[in-house]
Each structure stands twice: as C-alpha cells, then as structure tokens.
Amino acid sequence: MLPQPQIWLCPTDRPLIPGYQALLSSEEMARGERYQRPQDKQRFLTMRLALRILLARQLDCLPQQLQFTYGPQGKPELVDRERRSPWFNVAHSGNYGLIGLSTEGEIGVDLQIMLPKPHYLKLAKRFFAPQEVQQLESLEGEKRTKLFYQLWTAKEAFLKATGKGISGGLNQVIPDENLAKYQYLPDSGDTNHWRLSSQPLLADQGSNDNYWMAIAWCTNEVNQVESNYLPNIQPFQWPRNLDSLP
C-alpha cells in the first residue's frame, strides 16, 4: 500500500484561539496586519496557526518554536529541516483551507471554489495543453466548469509541491483521465513516483458551496495505481486553550 499523506480541512471564518498572538512570529503578525480586508487577515492567521499547531504535534515541540524560510516562489519550509520533519503545503479558497503533510516526500495541495465564469476557455487556451482545451470545448455548462477545476487543481497541486508555482508550466503538467496520476510532467519529471488525488469537498465535510481539491505527493514507491485514491480528510479543530498545546 502506498504511504498516505495527512490532509486537514480548516474552516477559515471561525474565531481564533484566544491568545493566538503568542504562537506567531513578529513577521507573521506584521504580514497579517498588511491585509486590507478583515476576511483575508482572518484566513492568513487561521492557516498559519493551524499549520504551526499540526507541525508542532508531529515534531513534539511548541508551535512558536518553529521557524520558517521561503523559497523563490514563496513556498514556506522549516528552517534546519530534520529527517523526521514532514513535508507540508497549504491552500485556501472561499471559507476553507487545506493543509497537507507527508513523511515520504514533497506534497502540494490546491483548493478552489467552483464558480461558473465565461472565460474558462480563454484561460485554458493560455495555460492548458491542446488536448485538454479540446476536452473542454466538447463540454458545456456544469460539465465544463467541473473539468476545468479538476485539471487546474491537479496541475497547481504538483507545481506547488515542487515550489515552482504556476510559472513552472501549467500546460506541461498533464494528469491522466482518471485523475489518479500524471501522464507528463515538466523537465522530464518521473511520473512513476508521483501520486494524485482529485475530489470534491462534500457537504458532509461542512461545505454548502461547490469546491474541488487536489493533492499531489511524491513517494518512494513506484505508482502502479490506476484508480483515484482518496485520502482521509480530517477536520482541524482548535485546542481549547494555549495550555492544552504540546
């Protein structure tokens, strides 16, 4: 059985843990203050706090002891990363965020609220492979919207895992038709060691809107799975108070 990443779902519109400021760095607090809209500030603080709490549980340390550095495209990483430290990635859209943790290798997550927009084909022609554009052109309405987000999230999840961002070549990241693995990756990437999971955020997970999520992660095992593996999505809950943290 392939190693399973841990995926956490975080509502971003709920009250923060009292005294949360003690868990964040001065740089994170300053970054939060730079957001003009209250909901954007709330979203950033929620996801950074949740990330610190989850990583601290894995590493048996205090959340405020973690130090982050950032890659060229802004991807956060732990300073002085040890072998036991998990790889991680964060995504958010609407009122939800995702945090992915993996002990096997790089992981990327993407989450998008599915809004019907008239310019999907224009975006696809700019960022997708020709065969994917043809697929979209053959569909209409909700089917086109769904496929667009399935492809977009699958592509962005991989590029986030590698730290390249969408500038890394969306049109060169091509998932298979089952959305279970990648057919082609940029720079001759080895598709045999990358897994892909693509699924909706369901109503029983707390969402009244239509969201689509994708998780891409690298493993040490050769990928021979054809069906779409669905990791268990765990709901993130705040600790009762700061004293209950590890």
Protein backbone atom coordinates (compact mmCIF):
# COMPACT_ATOMS: atom_id res chain seq x y z
CA MET A 1 0.00 0.00 0.00
CA LEU A 2 1.29 3.44 -0.89
CA PRO A 3 2.15 5.79 2.01
CA GLN A 4 -0.77 8.03 2.86
CA PRO A 5 -0.45 11.77 3.32
CA GLN A 6 -2.35 13.51 6.09
CA ILE A 7 -4.86 16.09 4.87
CA TRP A 8 -6.57 18.57 7.18
CA LEU A 9 -9.59 20.73 6.35
CA CYS A 10 -9.69 24.09 8.14
CA PRO A 11 -12.67 26.49 8.14
CA THR A 12 -11.19 29.98 7.89
CA ASP A 13 -14.19 32.01 9.08
CA ARG A 14 -14.25 30.93 12.73
CA PRO A 15 -12.87 32.64 15.86
CA LEU A 16 -9.18 32.15 16.51
CA ILE A 17 -7.83 30.51 19.65
CA PRO A 18 -7.58 33.10 22.47
CA GLY A 19 -4.03 34.37 22.88
CA TYR A 20 -3.05 33.20 19.39
CA GLN A 21 -0.55 36.05 19.08
CA ALA A 22 1.87 34.14 21.33
CA LEU A 23 2.16 31.37 18.73
CA LEU A 24 3.12 33.56 15.77
CA SER A 25 6.34 35.31 14.86
CA SER A 26 6.57 39.08 14.62
CA GLU A 27 6.93 38.71 10.84
CA GLU A 28 3.68 36.72 10.64
CA MET A 29 1.82 39.23 12.79
CA ALA A 30 3.08 42.09 10.61
CA ARG A 31 2.09 40.23 7.45
CA GLY A 32 -1.40 39.69 8.84
CA GLU A 33 -1.76 43.41 9.52
CA ARG A 34 -0.93 44.25 5.91
CA TYR A 35 -4.13 42.65 4.63
CA GLN A 36 -6.73 45.31 3.88
CA ARG A 37 -9.81 43.09 4.12
CA PRO A 38 -10.63 41.52 7.52
CA GLN A 39 -11.53 38.17 5.92
CA ASP A 40 -8.12 37.99 4.22
CA LYS A 41 -6.35 38.66 7.51
CA GLN A 42 -8.51 36.05 9.24
CA ARG A 43 -7.74 33.49 6.53
CA PHE A 44 -3.98 34.03 6.70
CA LEU A 45 -3.83 33.89 10.50
CA THR A 46 -6.05 30.79 10.63
CA MET A 47 -3.94 28.84 8.17
CA ARG A 48 -0.60 29.84 9.69
CA LEU A 49 -1.79 29.00 13.21
CA ALA A 50 -3.24 25.65 12.10
CA LEU A 51 0.00 24.82 10.26
CA ARG A 52 2.11 25.61 13.32
CA ILE A 53 -0.13 23.52 15.60
CA LEU A 54 -0.13 20.50 13.27
CA LEU A 55 3.63 20.60 12.68
CA ALA A 56 4.29 21.01 16.41
CA ARG A 57 2.25 17.87 17.10
CA GLN A 58 4.35 15.96 14.58
CA LEU A 59 7.66 17.25 15.94
CA ASP A 60 6.74 17.24 19.65
CA CYS A 61 7.57 20.89 20.16
CA LEU A 62 5.77 24.16 20.81
CA PRO A 63 4.17 25.89 17.80
CA GLN A 64 6.06 29.12 18.49
CA GLN A 65 9.40 27.29 18.35
CA LEU A 66 9.05 26.58 14.63
CA GLN A 67 10.94 28.83 12.23
CA PHE A 68 10.13 29.16 8.54
CA THR A 69 12.10 30.14 5.48
CA TYR A 70 10.70 30.77 1.99
CA GLY A 71 11.61 29.55 -1.48
CA PRO A 72 11.89 31.73 -4.62
CA GLN A 73 8.13 31.44 -5.26
CA GLY A 74 7.18 31.98 -1.62
CA LYS A 75 6.79 28.34 -0.58
CA PRO A 76 7.39 28.03 3.19
CA GLU A 77 9.79 25.44 4.57
CA LEU A 78 11.07 24.70 8.05
CA VAL A 79 14.47 26.14 8.94
CA ASP A 80 17.05 23.43 9.71
CA ARG A 81 14.69 20.75 8.49
CA GLU A 82 15.44 17.39 10.08
CA ARG A 83 14.81 13.97 8.55
CA ARG A 84 11.80 13.40 10.80
CA SER A 85 10.15 16.66 9.77
CA PRO A 86 7.21 16.24 7.40
CA TRP A 87 6.88 17.98 4.09
CA PHE A 88 3.85 20.27 4.02
CA ASN A 89 1.74 22.53 1.85
CA VAL A 90 -1.21 24.87 2.34
CA ALA A 91 -4.10 26.02 0.14
CA HIS A 92 -7.26 28.05 0.70
CA SER A 93 -10.31 29.23 -1.17
CA GLY A 94 -13.58 30.74 -0.01
CA ASN A 95 -14.12 29.84 3.64
CA TYR A 96 -11.90 26.75 3.73
CA GLY A 97 -8.24 25.85 3.76
CA LEU A 98 -6.29 22.62 3.29
CA ILE A 99 -3.06 21.53 4.93
CA GLY A 100 -1.20 18.51 3.58
CA LEU A 101 1.55 16.68 5.48
CA SER A 102 3.71 13.86 4.13
CA THR A 103 6.61 11.90 5.58
CA GLU A 104 7.61 10.44 2.19
CA GLY A 105 8.41 13.48 0.08
CA GLU A 106 7.15 16.74 -1.34
CA ILE A 107 3.41 17.38 -1.22
CA GLY A 108 1.20 20.01 -2.83
CA VAL A 109 -2.46 20.78 -2.23
CA ASP A 110 -4.88 23.02 -4.09
CA LEU A 111 -8.45 24.00 -3.30
CA GLN A 112 -10.78 26.05 -5.49
CA ILE A 113 -14.39 27.13 -5.10
CA MET A 114 -16.07 26.29 -8.40
CA LEU A 115 -17.63 29.45 -9.79
CA PRO A 116 -19.11 29.47 -13.31
CA LYS A 117 -17.21 32.04 -15.35
CA PRO A 118 -17.38 32.76 -19.08
CA HIS A 119 -13.62 32.94 -19.64
CA TYR A 120 -12.66 29.34 -18.81
CA LEU A 121 -11.78 28.53 -22.41
CA LYS A 122 -9.65 31.65 -22.68
CA LEU A 123 -7.70 30.61 -19.58
CA ALA A 124 -7.42 27.04 -20.83
CA LYS A 125 -6.03 28.11 -24.19
CA ARG A 126 -3.36 30.09 -22.37
CA PHE A 127 -2.39 27.58 -19.67
CA PHE A 128 -3.55 24.08 -20.70
CA ALA A 129 -2.28 21.50 -23.17
CA PRO A 130 -4.04 21.42 -26.60
CA GLN A 131 -5.77 18.09 -25.89
CA GLU A 132 -7.16 19.47 -22.64
CA VAL A 133 -8.55 22.51 -24.44
CA GLN A 134 -10.27 20.17 -26.88
CA GLN A 135 -11.83 18.26 -23.98
CA LEU A 136 -13.22 21.48 -22.53
CA GLU A 137 -14.52 22.65 -25.89
CA SER A 138 -16.52 19.42 -26.19
CA LEU A 139 -18.39 20.14 -22.95
CA GLU A 140 -20.84 22.79 -21.80
CA GLY A 141 -22.22 24.22 -18.59
CA GLU A 142 -21.51 22.44 -15.32
CA LYS A 143 -19.52 19.66 -17.01
CA ARG A 144 -17.09 22.18 -18.50
CA THR A 145 -16.80 24.02 -15.18
CA LYS A 146 -16.08 20.80 -13.28
CA LEU A 147 -13.44 19.58 -15.73
CA PHE A 148 -11.71 22.97 -15.74
CA TYR A 149 -11.32 22.90 -11.97
CA GLN A 150 -10.29 19.24 -11.95
CA LEU A 151 -7.48 20.00 -14.38
CA TRP A 152 -6.48 23.30 -12.80
CA THR A 153 -6.23 21.92 -9.25
CA ALA A 154 -4.32 18.83 -10.40
CA LYS A 155 -1.79 20.99 -12.20
CA GLU A 156 -1.39 23.56 -9.44
CA ALA A 157 -1.05 20.92 -6.71
CA PHE A 158 2.00 19.45 -8.46
CA LEU A 159 3.60 22.84 -9.13
CA LYS A 160 3.06 23.85 -5.51
CA ALA A 161 4.67 20.60 -4.36
CA THR A 162 7.79 21.39 -6.37
CA GLY A 163 7.80 25.02 -5.24
CA LYS A 164 7.59 26.38 -8.79
CA GLY A 165 4.10 27.88 -8.75
CA ILE A 166 2.06 28.33 -11.91
CA SER A 167 5.07 29.90 -13.64
CA GLY A 168 6.50 26.36 -13.70
CA GLY A 169 4.33 25.46 -16.69
CA LEU A 170 0.68 24.52 -16.22
CA ASN A 171 0.49 23.26 -19.80
CA GLN A 172 3.31 20.78 -19.12
CA VAL A 173 1.60 19.15 -16.12
CA ILE A 174 -0.87 16.67 -17.61
CA PRO A 175 -2.93 14.35 -15.36
CA ASP A 176 -4.35 11.10 -16.68
CA GLU A 177 -8.05 10.76 -17.48
CA ASN A 178 -8.77 9.10 -14.12
CA LEU A 179 -7.09 11.92 -12.18
CA ALA A 180 -5.09 9.26 -10.32
CA LYS A 181 -1.59 10.07 -11.59
CA TYR A 182 0.28 12.26 -14.06
CA GLN A 183 0.86 11.38 -17.70
CA TYR A 184 3.52 14.01 -18.24
CA LEU A 185 5.49 16.37 -16.01
CA PRO A 186 7.82 19.28 -16.88
CA ASP A 187 11.59 18.84 -17.10
CA SER A 188 11.13 15.11 -17.72
CA GLY A 189 9.73 14.61 -14.22
CA ASP A 190 9.37 10.96 -13.17
CA THR A 191 5.63 10.29 -13.20
CA ASN A 192 6.17 6.87 -11.59
CA HIS A 193 6.81 8.39 -8.17
CA TRP A 194 4.04 10.98 -8.11
CA ARG A 195 0.53 10.31 -6.87
CA LEU A 196 -2.54 12.43 -7.48
CA SER A 197 -5.86 12.58 -5.67
CA SER A 198 -8.73 14.67 -7.03
CA GLN A 199 -12.06 15.02 -5.24
CA PRO A 200 -14.86 17.41 -4.28
CA LEU A 201 -15.28 18.96 -0.86
CA LEU A 202 -18.51 17.25 0.16
CA ALA A 203 -21.47 18.64 2.07
CA ASP A 204 -20.85 16.28 4.99
CA GLN A 205 -17.44 17.92 5.39
CA GLY A 206 -19.22 21.19 6.14
CA SER A 207 -19.42 22.91 2.76
CA ASN A 208 -22.59 24.34 1.24
CA ASP A 209 -20.66 25.56 -1.81
CA ASN A 210 -19.01 23.61 -4.61
CA TYR A 211 -15.28 23.15 -4.03
CA TRP A 212 -12.74 20.94 -5.76
CA MET A 213 -9.45 19.84 -4.23
CA ALA A 214 -6.33 18.07 -5.48
CA ILE A 215 -3.39 16.55 -3.63
CA ALA A 216 -0.09 15.70 -5.32
CA TRP A 217 2.66 13.92 -3.43
CA CYS A 218 5.93 12.17 -4.15
CA THR A 219 6.57 8.66 -2.82
CA ASN A 220 9.46 6.22 -2.70
CA GLU A 221 7.30 3.52 -4.25
CA VAL A 222 6.54 3.13 -7.94
CA ASN A 223 2.99 4.23 -8.71
CA GLN A 224 1.01 1.39 -10.24
CA VAL A 225 -2.42 2.52 -9.03
CA GLU A 226 -4.93 3.32 -11.76
CA SER A 227 -7.92 4.38 -9.65
CA ASN A 228 -8.25 7.70 -7.85
CA TYR A 229 -7.06 7.20 -4.26
CA LEU A 230 -8.97 9.43 -1.83
CA PRO A 231 -7.03 10.32 1.33
CA ASN A 232 -8.98 10.71 4.54
CA ILE A 233 -9.80 14.39 5.04
CA GLN A 234 -9.55 15.24 8.74
CA PRO A 235 -11.33 18.27 10.22
CA PHE A 236 -8.99 20.63 12.05
CA GLN A 237 -10.21 21.80 15.44
CA TRP A 238 -8.68 24.45 17.65
CA PRO A 239 -7.27 23.36 21.02
CA ARG A 240 -9.39 24.51 23.96
CA ASN A 241 -6.68 26.96 25.02
CA LEU A 242 -2.94 27.56 24.79
CA ASP A 243 -2.28 25.41 27.87
CA SER A 244 -3.56 22.33 26.03
CA LEU A 245 -0.91 22.62 23.32
CA PRO A 246 2.08 20.22 23.36
